[in-house]
Amino acid sequence: MVDTVTPASGVCESPLSITVPLIYLTAGSLFSVLFLLVRSETDAVNMILAKVKQGKYKLLFSSVHIKEIEAYDNILERVELQTILRKLGEQMNGNLSETRLRAEELVNLGFGIADAAHVAFSEGAGALFISCDNRLIKKCSKHNIKVWCGNPVAFCEKENLR
C-alpha cells in the first residue's frame, strides 16, 4: 500500500488513516549529518531523521535534491546522501508546471534558482521547509512563503523534539 500526499495539506494520509506531518529538508541540511558543520544543527537533523524513521514525519525530496547531490564531487558523500533519501524519503510528484511558475516568482523576488525550486516544491506539498541556510530562511520570512520555514534547531524546538 502506498501513502498519499495531498498537496498543500501538510500531512500524509496512510492507508490506516494516520496523518503524519510532511517535512522537506534541503540537501545542505542533509549534508550536515555527514560533517559536524554546526554541532547543534547536525544534532537536530539527526533527531529529525530519527523521527522520520519512527514514522512521526514523512521526509519528502524533489528533483532538486537529486541534481544537487549528483553534483557532489566526493563519491562517498554522494552515495551516503542518496542512501538517506532512498531509505527515508519519498520523491515528490507534484504539479511541475505550478512548481516552476512559483519558482520563477521566487527568483524574481531575489531567491537563487535552486533555493526557489526547493521552496516551491515544499509549498506545493504543504511540507514544513527546513534548511541550514539561515540567509535563505531569513529571505523566506520576508516574503509570502505559504509554509513554515526554519532551520533544523528551530524545527526541533517548534515540535518539542528531544
N, C-alpha and C. Protein backbone atom coordinates (compact mmCIF):
# COMPACT_ATOMS: atom_id res chain seq x y z
N MET A 1 0.83 -1.18 0.00
CA MET A 1 0.00 0.00 0.00
C MET A 1 0.87 1.24 0.00
N VAL A 2 0.43 2.26 -0.70
CA VAL A 2 1.20 3.48 -0.84
C VAL A 2 0.52 4.60 -0.07
N ASP A 3 1.32 5.38 0.66
CA ASP A 3 0.79 6.55 1.33
C ASP A 3 0.47 7.60 0.28
N THR A 4 -0.48 8.46 0.55
CA THR A 4 -0.80 9.52 -0.38
C THR A 4 -0.45 10.86 0.23
N VAL A 5 0.14 11.71 -0.58
CA VAL A 5 0.48 13.06 -0.15
C VAL A 5 -0.48 13.99 -0.85
N THR A 6 -1.24 14.73 -0.07
CA THR A 6 -2.18 15.69 -0.61
C THR A 6 -1.50 17.04 -0.67
N PRO A 7 -1.31 17.64 -1.86
CA PRO A 7 -0.63 18.92 -1.97
C PRO A 7 -1.26 19.98 -1.08
N ALA A 8 -0.40 20.76 -0.47
CA ALA A 8 -0.76 21.89 0.37
C ALA A 8 -1.48 21.51 1.65
N SER A 9 -1.64 20.23 1.94
CA SER A 9 -2.30 19.86 3.19
C SER A 9 -1.31 19.79 4.34
N GLY A 10 -0.05 19.51 4.02
CA GLY A 10 0.95 19.42 5.06
C GLY A 10 0.93 18.13 5.84
N VAL A 11 0.11 17.18 5.45
CA VAL A 11 0.07 15.89 6.13
C VAL A 11 0.02 14.78 5.10
N CYS A 12 0.43 13.63 5.51
CA CYS A 12 0.38 12.44 4.66
C CYS A 12 -0.65 11.51 5.27
N GLU A 13 -1.55 11.02 4.46
CA GLU A 13 -2.55 10.10 4.95
C GLU A 13 -2.16 8.69 4.52
N SER A 14 -1.95 7.84 5.49
CA SER A 14 -1.59 6.46 5.17
C SER A 14 -2.88 5.65 5.05
N PRO A 15 -2.77 4.45 4.51
CA PRO A 15 -3.97 3.62 4.36
C PRO A 15 -4.65 3.33 5.70
N LEU A 16 -3.93 3.50 6.80
CA LEU A 16 -4.50 3.25 8.12
C LEU A 16 -5.11 4.52 8.72
N SER A 17 -5.25 5.56 7.92
CA SER A 17 -5.83 6.84 8.32
C SER A 17 -5.04 7.53 9.43
N ILE A 18 -3.74 7.38 9.40
CA ILE A 18 -2.87 8.08 10.33
C ILE A 18 -2.27 9.25 9.58
N THR A 19 -2.37 10.45 10.13
CA THR A 19 -1.78 11.59 9.45
C THR A 19 -0.40 11.87 10.04
N VAL A 20 0.52 12.13 9.15
CA VAL A 20 1.91 12.36 9.52
C VAL A 20 2.34 13.69 8.90
N PRO A 21 2.92 14.61 9.67
CA PRO A 21 3.38 15.88 9.09
C PRO A 21 4.46 15.65 8.04
N LEU A 22 4.40 16.44 6.98
CA LEU A 22 5.37 16.37 5.91
C LEU A 22 6.51 17.35 6.18
N ILE A 23 7.73 16.92 5.92
CA ILE A 23 8.88 17.82 6.06
C ILE A 23 9.70 17.76 4.79
N TYR A 24 10.38 18.86 4.50
CA TYR A 24 11.23 18.99 3.33
C TYR A 24 12.56 19.53 3.80
N LEU A 25 13.55 18.66 3.94
CA LEU A 25 14.91 19.06 4.35
C LEU A 25 15.73 19.31 3.10
N THR A 26 16.38 20.46 3.02
CA THR A 26 17.22 20.72 1.86
C THR A 26 18.43 19.79 1.87
N ALA A 27 19.07 19.66 0.72
CA ALA A 27 20.25 18.79 0.60
C ALA A 27 21.36 19.28 1.52
N GLY A 28 21.49 20.59 1.67
CA GLY A 28 22.50 21.14 2.57
C GLY A 28 22.27 20.73 4.01
N SER A 29 21.02 20.63 4.41
CA SER A 29 20.70 20.18 5.76
C SER A 29 21.08 18.72 5.93
N LEU A 30 20.79 17.91 4.93
CA LEU A 30 21.16 16.50 4.99
C LEU A 30 22.69 16.35 5.01
N PHE A 31 23.38 17.22 4.30
CA PHE A 31 24.85 17.18 4.25
C PHE A 31 25.45 17.38 5.64
N SER A 32 24.77 18.16 6.49
CA SER A 32 25.29 18.42 7.84
C SER A 32 25.40 17.15 8.67
N VAL A 33 24.66 16.11 8.29
CA VAL A 33 24.74 14.83 9.00
C VAL A 33 26.11 14.19 8.78
N LEU A 34 26.67 14.40 7.60
CA LEU A 34 27.95 13.78 7.27
C LEU A 34 29.12 14.48 7.95
N PHE A 35 29.01 15.77 8.16
CA PHE A 35 30.09 16.54 8.74
C PHE A 35 29.53 17.43 9.83
N LEU A 36 30.24 17.52 10.91
CA LEU A 36 29.78 18.35 12.03
C LEU A 36 30.03 19.81 11.72
N LEU A 37 29.27 20.34 10.77
CA LEU A 37 29.45 21.73 10.38
C LEU A 37 29.06 22.66 11.51
N VAL A 38 27.89 22.49 12.02
CA VAL A 38 27.44 23.21 13.21
C VAL A 38 26.81 22.13 14.09
N ARG A 39 27.41 21.89 15.22
CA ARG A 39 27.02 20.75 16.05
C ARG A 39 25.52 20.73 16.37
N SER A 40 24.96 21.88 16.75
CA SER A 40 23.54 21.90 17.12
C SER A 40 22.65 21.56 15.93
N GLU A 41 23.01 22.04 14.73
CA GLU A 41 22.20 21.71 13.55
C GLU A 41 22.35 20.25 13.17
N THR A 42 23.58 19.72 13.28
CA THR A 42 23.80 18.30 12.98
C THR A 42 22.98 17.43 13.93
N ASP A 43 23.01 17.76 15.21
CA ASP A 43 22.22 17.01 16.19
C ASP A 43 20.73 17.10 15.87
N ALA A 44 20.28 18.29 15.48
CA ALA A 44 18.86 18.49 15.16
C ALA A 44 18.46 17.67 13.93
N VAL A 45 19.29 17.68 12.89
CA VAL A 45 18.98 16.90 11.68
C VAL A 45 18.94 15.42 12.02
N ASN A 46 19.89 14.96 12.82
CA ASN A 46 19.88 13.55 13.24
C ASN A 46 18.61 13.21 14.01
N MET A 47 18.17 14.13 14.87
CA MET A 47 16.95 13.91 15.64
C MET A 47 15.73 13.85 14.70
N ILE A 48 15.70 14.75 13.73
CA ILE A 48 14.60 14.76 12.76
C ILE A 48 14.58 13.45 11.97
N LEU A 49 15.74 13.02 11.50
CA LEU A 49 15.80 11.77 10.74
C LEU A 49 15.40 10.57 11.58
N ALA A 50 15.74 10.60 12.87
CA ALA A 50 15.31 9.52 13.77
C ALA A 50 13.78 9.48 13.87
N LYS A 51 13.16 10.66 13.93
CA LYS A 51 11.69 10.72 13.99
C LYS A 51 11.06 10.29 12.66
N VAL A 52 11.74 10.58 11.55
CA VAL A 52 11.27 10.09 10.25
C VAL A 52 11.30 8.56 10.25
N LYS A 53 12.38 7.98 10.74
CA LYS A 53 12.49 6.51 10.82
C LYS A 53 11.38 5.92 11.66
N GLN A 54 10.97 6.63 12.72
CA GLN A 54 9.90 6.16 13.60
C GLN A 54 8.51 6.39 13.01
N GLY A 55 8.44 7.08 11.88
CA GLY A 55 7.16 7.33 11.24
C GLY A 55 6.43 8.55 11.77
N LYS A 56 7.10 9.38 12.53
CA LYS A 56 6.46 10.59 13.08
C LYS A 56 6.35 11.70 12.03
N TYR A 57 7.23 11.66 11.03
CA TYR A 57 7.24 12.63 9.94
C TYR A 57 7.49 11.88 8.64
N LYS A 58 7.07 12.49 7.55
CA LYS A 58 7.34 11.96 6.21
C LYS A 58 8.32 12.92 5.55
N LEU A 59 9.49 12.41 5.18
CA LEU A 59 10.52 13.20 4.52
C LEU A 59 10.29 13.18 3.01
N LEU A 60 10.12 14.36 2.45
CA LEU A 60 9.93 14.49 1.01
C LEU A 60 11.21 15.00 0.36
N PHE A 61 11.44 14.57 -0.87
CA PHE A 61 12.55 15.15 -1.63
C PHE A 61 12.11 15.35 -3.07
N SER A 62 12.82 16.25 -3.74
CA SER A 62 12.45 16.61 -5.10
C SER A 62 13.61 16.35 -6.05
N SER A 63 13.35 16.63 -7.30
CA SER A 63 14.39 16.50 -8.33
C SER A 63 15.55 17.46 -8.06
N VAL A 64 15.30 18.53 -7.32
CA VAL A 64 16.38 19.46 -6.98
C VAL A 64 17.39 18.77 -6.07
N HIS A 65 16.91 18.00 -5.10
CA HIS A 65 17.82 17.23 -4.25
C HIS A 65 18.71 16.33 -5.11
N ILE A 66 18.09 15.62 -6.02
CA ILE A 66 18.81 14.66 -6.85
C ILE A 66 19.91 15.36 -7.65
N LYS A 67 19.57 16.48 -8.28
CA LYS A 67 20.55 17.22 -9.08
C LYS A 67 21.67 17.77 -8.20
N GLU A 68 21.33 18.32 -7.05
CA GLU A 68 22.37 18.86 -6.15
C GLU A 68 23.31 17.76 -5.67
N ILE A 69 22.74 16.65 -5.28
CA ILE A 69 23.56 15.56 -4.75
C ILE A 69 24.42 14.94 -5.86
N GLU A 70 23.88 14.83 -7.06
CA GLU A 70 24.66 14.31 -8.19
C GLU A 70 25.88 15.18 -8.49
N ALA A 71 25.81 16.45 -8.14
CA ALA A 71 26.92 17.38 -8.41
C ALA A 71 28.04 17.29 -7.38
N TYR A 72 27.85 16.59 -6.28
CA TYR A 72 28.89 16.46 -5.27
C TYR A 72 30.08 15.72 -5.86
N ASP A 73 31.27 16.25 -5.65
CA ASP A 73 32.49 15.63 -6.16
C ASP A 73 32.83 14.34 -5.42
N ASN A 74 32.63 14.35 -4.12
CA ASN A 74 33.02 13.21 -3.29
C ASN A 74 31.98 12.09 -3.43
N ILE A 75 32.42 10.97 -3.99
CA ILE A 75 31.51 9.85 -4.25
C ILE A 75 30.91 9.29 -2.97
N LEU A 76 31.69 9.25 -1.89
CA LEU A 76 31.18 8.72 -0.62
C LEU A 76 30.06 9.59 -0.06
N GLU A 77 30.26 10.90 -0.12
CA GLU A 77 29.21 11.82 0.34
C GLU A 77 27.96 11.66 -0.51
N ARG A 78 28.17 11.58 -1.81
CA ARG A 78 27.04 11.46 -2.74
C ARG A 78 26.24 10.19 -2.46
N VAL A 79 26.92 9.08 -2.31
CA VAL A 79 26.25 7.80 -2.06
C VAL A 79 25.54 7.82 -0.71
N GLU A 80 26.17 8.40 0.30
CA GLU A 80 25.55 8.46 1.63
C GLU A 80 24.24 9.26 1.59
N LEU A 81 24.27 10.42 0.93
CA LEU A 81 23.06 11.24 0.86
C LEU A 81 21.98 10.57 0.01
N GLN A 82 22.38 9.95 -1.08
CA GLN A 82 21.40 9.22 -1.91
C GLN A 82 20.77 8.08 -1.11
N THR A 83 21.56 7.43 -0.29
CA THR A 83 21.05 6.33 0.54
C THR A 83 20.05 6.84 1.57
N ILE A 84 20.36 7.97 2.19
CA ILE A 84 19.42 8.56 3.16
C ILE A 84 18.08 8.84 2.48
N LEU A 85 18.13 9.46 1.31
CA LEU A 85 16.88 9.77 0.61
C LEU A 85 16.15 8.51 0.17
N ARG A 86 16.88 7.53 -0.33
CA ARG A 86 16.25 6.29 -0.79
C ARG A 86 15.58 5.54 0.35
N LYS A 87 16.26 5.48 1.50
CA LYS A 87 15.73 4.72 2.63
C LYS A 87 14.65 5.46 3.41
N LEU A 88 14.79 6.78 3.54
CA LEU A 88 13.89 7.52 4.42
C LEU A 88 12.91 8.45 3.71
N GLY A 89 13.21 8.80 2.48
CA GLY A 89 12.42 9.82 1.81
C GLY A 89 11.42 9.28 0.81
N GLU A 90 10.59 10.18 0.36
CA GLU A 90 9.61 9.89 -0.69
C GLU A 90 9.75 10.98 -1.74
N GLN A 91 10.02 10.59 -2.98
CA GLN A 91 10.16 11.59 -4.03
C GLN A 91 8.81 12.19 -4.36
N MET A 92 8.82 13.50 -4.52
CA MET A 92 7.60 14.24 -4.79
C MET A 92 7.25 14.15 -6.27
N ASN A 93 5.99 14.06 -6.54
CA ASN A 93 5.49 14.05 -7.91
C ASN A 93 4.34 15.03 -8.02
N GLY A 94 4.62 16.29 -7.70
CA GLY A 94 3.57 17.30 -7.71
C GLY A 94 3.36 17.87 -9.10
N ASN A 95 2.62 18.96 -9.15
CA ASN A 95 2.35 19.65 -10.40
C ASN A 95 3.59 20.46 -10.78
N LEU A 96 4.36 19.95 -11.73
CA LEU A 96 5.62 20.57 -12.09
C LEU A 96 5.45 21.94 -12.73
N SER A 97 4.39 22.15 -13.49
CA SER A 97 4.20 23.46 -14.12
C SER A 97 3.89 24.52 -13.06
N GLU A 98 3.07 24.19 -12.07
CA GLU A 98 2.79 25.14 -10.98
C GLU A 98 4.05 25.38 -10.15
N THR A 99 4.81 24.32 -9.90
CA THR A 99 6.04 24.46 -9.13
C THR A 99 7.02 25.36 -9.87
N ARG A 100 7.13 25.18 -11.16
CA ARG A 100 8.04 26.01 -11.96
C ARG A 100 7.61 27.47 -11.94
N LEU A 101 6.31 27.73 -12.09
CA LEU A 101 5.82 29.11 -12.05
C LEU A 101 6.12 29.76 -10.71
N ARG A 102 5.90 29.02 -9.63
CA ARG A 102 6.18 29.56 -8.30
C ARG A 102 7.67 29.80 -8.12
N ALA A 103 8.50 28.88 -8.61
CA ALA A 103 9.95 29.06 -8.52
C ALA A 103 10.38 30.31 -9.28
N GLU A 104 9.80 30.54 -10.44
CA GLU A 104 10.11 31.74 -11.21
C GLU A 104 9.72 33.01 -10.45
N GLU A 105 8.56 32.98 -9.77
CA GLU A 105 8.16 34.11 -8.95
C GLU A 105 9.20 34.38 -7.86
N LEU A 106 9.66 33.31 -7.23
CA LEU A 106 10.64 33.45 -6.15
C LEU A 106 11.98 33.95 -6.67
N VAL A 107 12.39 33.50 -7.83
CA VAL A 107 13.63 34.01 -8.44
C VAL A 107 13.49 35.51 -8.68
N ASN A 108 12.33 35.93 -9.16
CA ASN A 108 12.09 37.36 -9.40
C ASN A 108 12.11 38.17 -8.10
N LEU A 109 11.89 37.50 -6.97
CA LEU A 109 11.96 38.16 -5.66
C LEU A 109 13.38 38.14 -5.09
N GLY A 110 14.31 37.54 -5.82
CA GLY A 110 15.71 37.54 -5.38
C GLY A 110 16.22 36.23 -4.83
N PHE A 111 15.43 35.17 -4.89
CA PHE A 111 15.89 33.85 -4.47
C PHE A 111 16.81 33.28 -5.55
N GLY A 112 17.80 32.50 -5.15
CA GLY A 112 18.60 31.77 -6.11
C GLY A 112 17.74 30.70 -6.76
N ILE A 113 18.18 30.21 -7.91
CA ILE A 113 17.38 29.25 -8.67
C ILE A 113 17.09 27.98 -7.86
N ALA A 114 18.13 27.37 -7.30
CA ALA A 114 17.93 26.12 -6.54
C ALA A 114 17.09 26.37 -5.29
N ASP A 115 17.37 27.47 -4.59
CA ASP A 115 16.59 27.81 -3.39
C ASP A 115 15.12 28.01 -3.74
N ALA A 116 14.87 28.73 -4.83
CA ALA A 116 13.49 28.97 -5.27
C ALA A 116 12.78 27.66 -5.58
N ALA A 117 13.50 26.75 -6.23
CA ALA A 117 12.89 25.45 -6.56
C ALA A 117 12.60 24.65 -5.29
N HIS A 118 13.53 24.64 -4.35
CA HIS A 118 13.29 23.93 -3.08
C HIS A 118 12.04 24.47 -2.39
N VAL A 119 11.96 25.79 -2.27
CA VAL A 119 10.81 26.41 -1.59
C VAL A 119 9.52 26.11 -2.35
N ALA A 120 9.56 26.20 -3.66
CA ALA A 120 8.36 25.95 -4.46
C ALA A 120 7.88 24.50 -4.31
N PHE A 121 8.80 23.55 -4.32
CA PHE A 121 8.41 22.16 -4.11
C PHE A 121 7.80 21.97 -2.71
N SER A 122 8.41 22.57 -1.72
CA SER A 122 7.91 22.46 -0.34
C SER A 122 6.50 23.04 -0.24
N GLU A 123 6.32 24.22 -0.81
CA GLU A 123 4.99 24.84 -0.79
C GLU A 123 3.96 23.96 -1.51
N GLY A 124 4.35 23.42 -2.65
CA GLY A 124 3.42 22.60 -3.43
C GLY A 124 2.92 21.39 -2.67
N ALA A 125 3.76 20.86 -1.79
CA ALA A 125 3.37 19.70 -0.98
C ALA A 125 2.78 20.11 0.36
N GLY A 126 2.89 21.38 0.70
CA GLY A 126 2.44 21.82 2.02
C GLY A 126 3.35 21.29 3.11
N ALA A 127 4.61 21.07 2.77
CA ALA A 127 5.57 20.49 3.72
C ALA A 127 6.33 21.59 4.46
N LEU A 128 6.58 21.36 5.72
CA LEU A 128 7.39 22.28 6.50
C LEU A 128 8.78 22.34 5.87
N PHE A 129 9.31 23.54 5.67
CA PHE A 129 10.56 23.75 4.96
C PHE A 129 11.70 23.94 5.94
N ILE A 130 12.69 23.05 5.88
CA ILE A 130 13.80 23.07 6.83
C ILE A 130 15.11 23.20 6.07
N SER A 131 15.90 24.21 6.44
CA SER A 131 17.18 24.45 5.78
C SER A 131 18.20 24.95 6.80
N CYS A 132 19.45 24.58 6.60
CA CYS A 132 20.54 25.10 7.44
C CYS A 132 21.03 26.45 6.93
N ASP A 133 20.51 26.91 5.81
CA ASP A 133 20.92 28.18 5.21
C ASP A 133 20.11 29.31 5.85
N ASN A 134 20.71 29.95 6.84
CA ASN A 134 19.98 30.99 7.58
C ASN A 134 19.63 32.20 6.72
N ARG A 135 20.45 32.49 5.70
CA ARG A 135 20.10 33.59 4.79
C ARG A 135 18.84 33.25 4.00
N LEU A 136 18.72 32.00 3.60
CA LEU A 136 17.51 31.56 2.88
C LEU A 136 16.29 31.63 3.79
N ILE A 137 16.43 31.17 5.01
CA ILE A 137 15.31 31.22 5.96
C ILE A 137 14.88 32.67 6.21
N LYS A 138 15.85 33.56 6.35
CA LYS A 138 15.55 34.98 6.55
C LYS A 138 14.81 35.54 5.33
N LYS A 139 15.26 35.16 4.14
CA LYS A 139 14.60 35.62 2.92
C LYS A 139 13.17 35.09 2.86
N CYS A 140 12.98 33.84 3.27
CA CYS A 140 11.63 33.26 3.30
C CYS A 140 10.71 34.04 4.23
N SER A 141 11.25 34.46 5.36
CA SER A 141 10.43 35.19 6.34
C SER A 141 10.01 36.57 5.83
N LYS A 142 10.76 37.10 4.86
CA LYS A 142 10.44 38.42 4.31
C LYS A 142 9.43 38.37 3.17
N HIS A 143 9.15 37.18 2.68
CA HIS A 143 8.25 37.03 1.54
C HIS A 143 7.09 36.12 1.91
N ASN A 144 6.13 36.07 1.03
CA ASN A 144 4.89 35.33 1.29
C ASN A 144 5.07 33.84 1.02
N ILE A 145 5.84 33.17 1.88
CA ILE A 145 6.03 31.73 1.75
C ILE A 145 4.86 31.06 2.46
N LYS A 146 4.26 30.08 1.81
CA LYS A 146 2.99 29.51 2.26
C LYS A 146 3.14 28.38 3.28
N VAL A 147 4.38 28.07 3.67
CA VAL A 147 4.62 27.01 4.65
C VAL A 147 5.57 27.54 5.73
N TRP A 148 5.60 26.84 6.85
CA TRP A 148 6.56 27.20 7.91
C TRP A 148 7.97 26.99 7.37
N CYS A 149 8.86 27.91 7.66
CA CYS A 149 10.27 27.83 7.23
C CYS A 149 11.16 28.05 8.44
N GLY A 150 12.16 27.22 8.59
CA GLY A 150 13.10 27.40 9.69
C GLY A 150 14.27 26.45 9.58
N ASN A 151 15.23 26.62 10.48
CA ASN A 151 16.39 25.73 10.47
C ASN A 151 16.07 24.49 11.32
N PRO A 152 16.92 23.48 11.26
CA PRO A 152 16.63 22.24 11.99
C PRO A 152 16.46 22.43 13.50
N VAL A 153 17.23 23.33 14.09
CA VAL A 153 17.12 23.57 15.53
C VAL A 153 15.76 24.20 15.85
N ALA A 154 15.35 25.17 15.06
CA ALA A 154 14.04 25.81 15.27
C ALA A 154 12.91 24.80 15.08
N PHE A 155 13.05 23.91 14.10
CA PHE A 155 12.04 22.88 13.89
C PHE A 155 11.92 21.98 15.12
N CYS A 156 13.06 21.55 15.65
CA CYS A 156 13.05 20.68 16.84
C CYS A 156 12.41 21.40 18.03
N GLU A 157 12.71 22.68 18.19
CA GLU A 157 12.08 23.46 19.27
C GLU A 157 10.58 23.57 19.04
N LYS A 158 10.18 23.90 17.82
CA LYS A 158 8.76 24.05 17.48
C LYS A 158 7.99 22.76 17.73
N GLU A 159 8.59 21.63 17.39
CA GLU A 159 7.94 20.33 17.50
C GLU A 159 8.19 19.65 18.85
N ASN A 160 8.95 20.33 19.70
CA ASN A 160 9.28 19.79 21.03
C ASN A 160 10.00 18.45 20.93
N LEU A 161 10.92 18.34 19.98
CA LEU A 161 11.69 17.10 19.80
C LEU A 161 12.88 17.12 20.73
N ARG A 162 13.09 16.00 21.38
CA ARG A 162 14.23 15.88 22.31
C ARG A 162 14.90 14.55 22.11
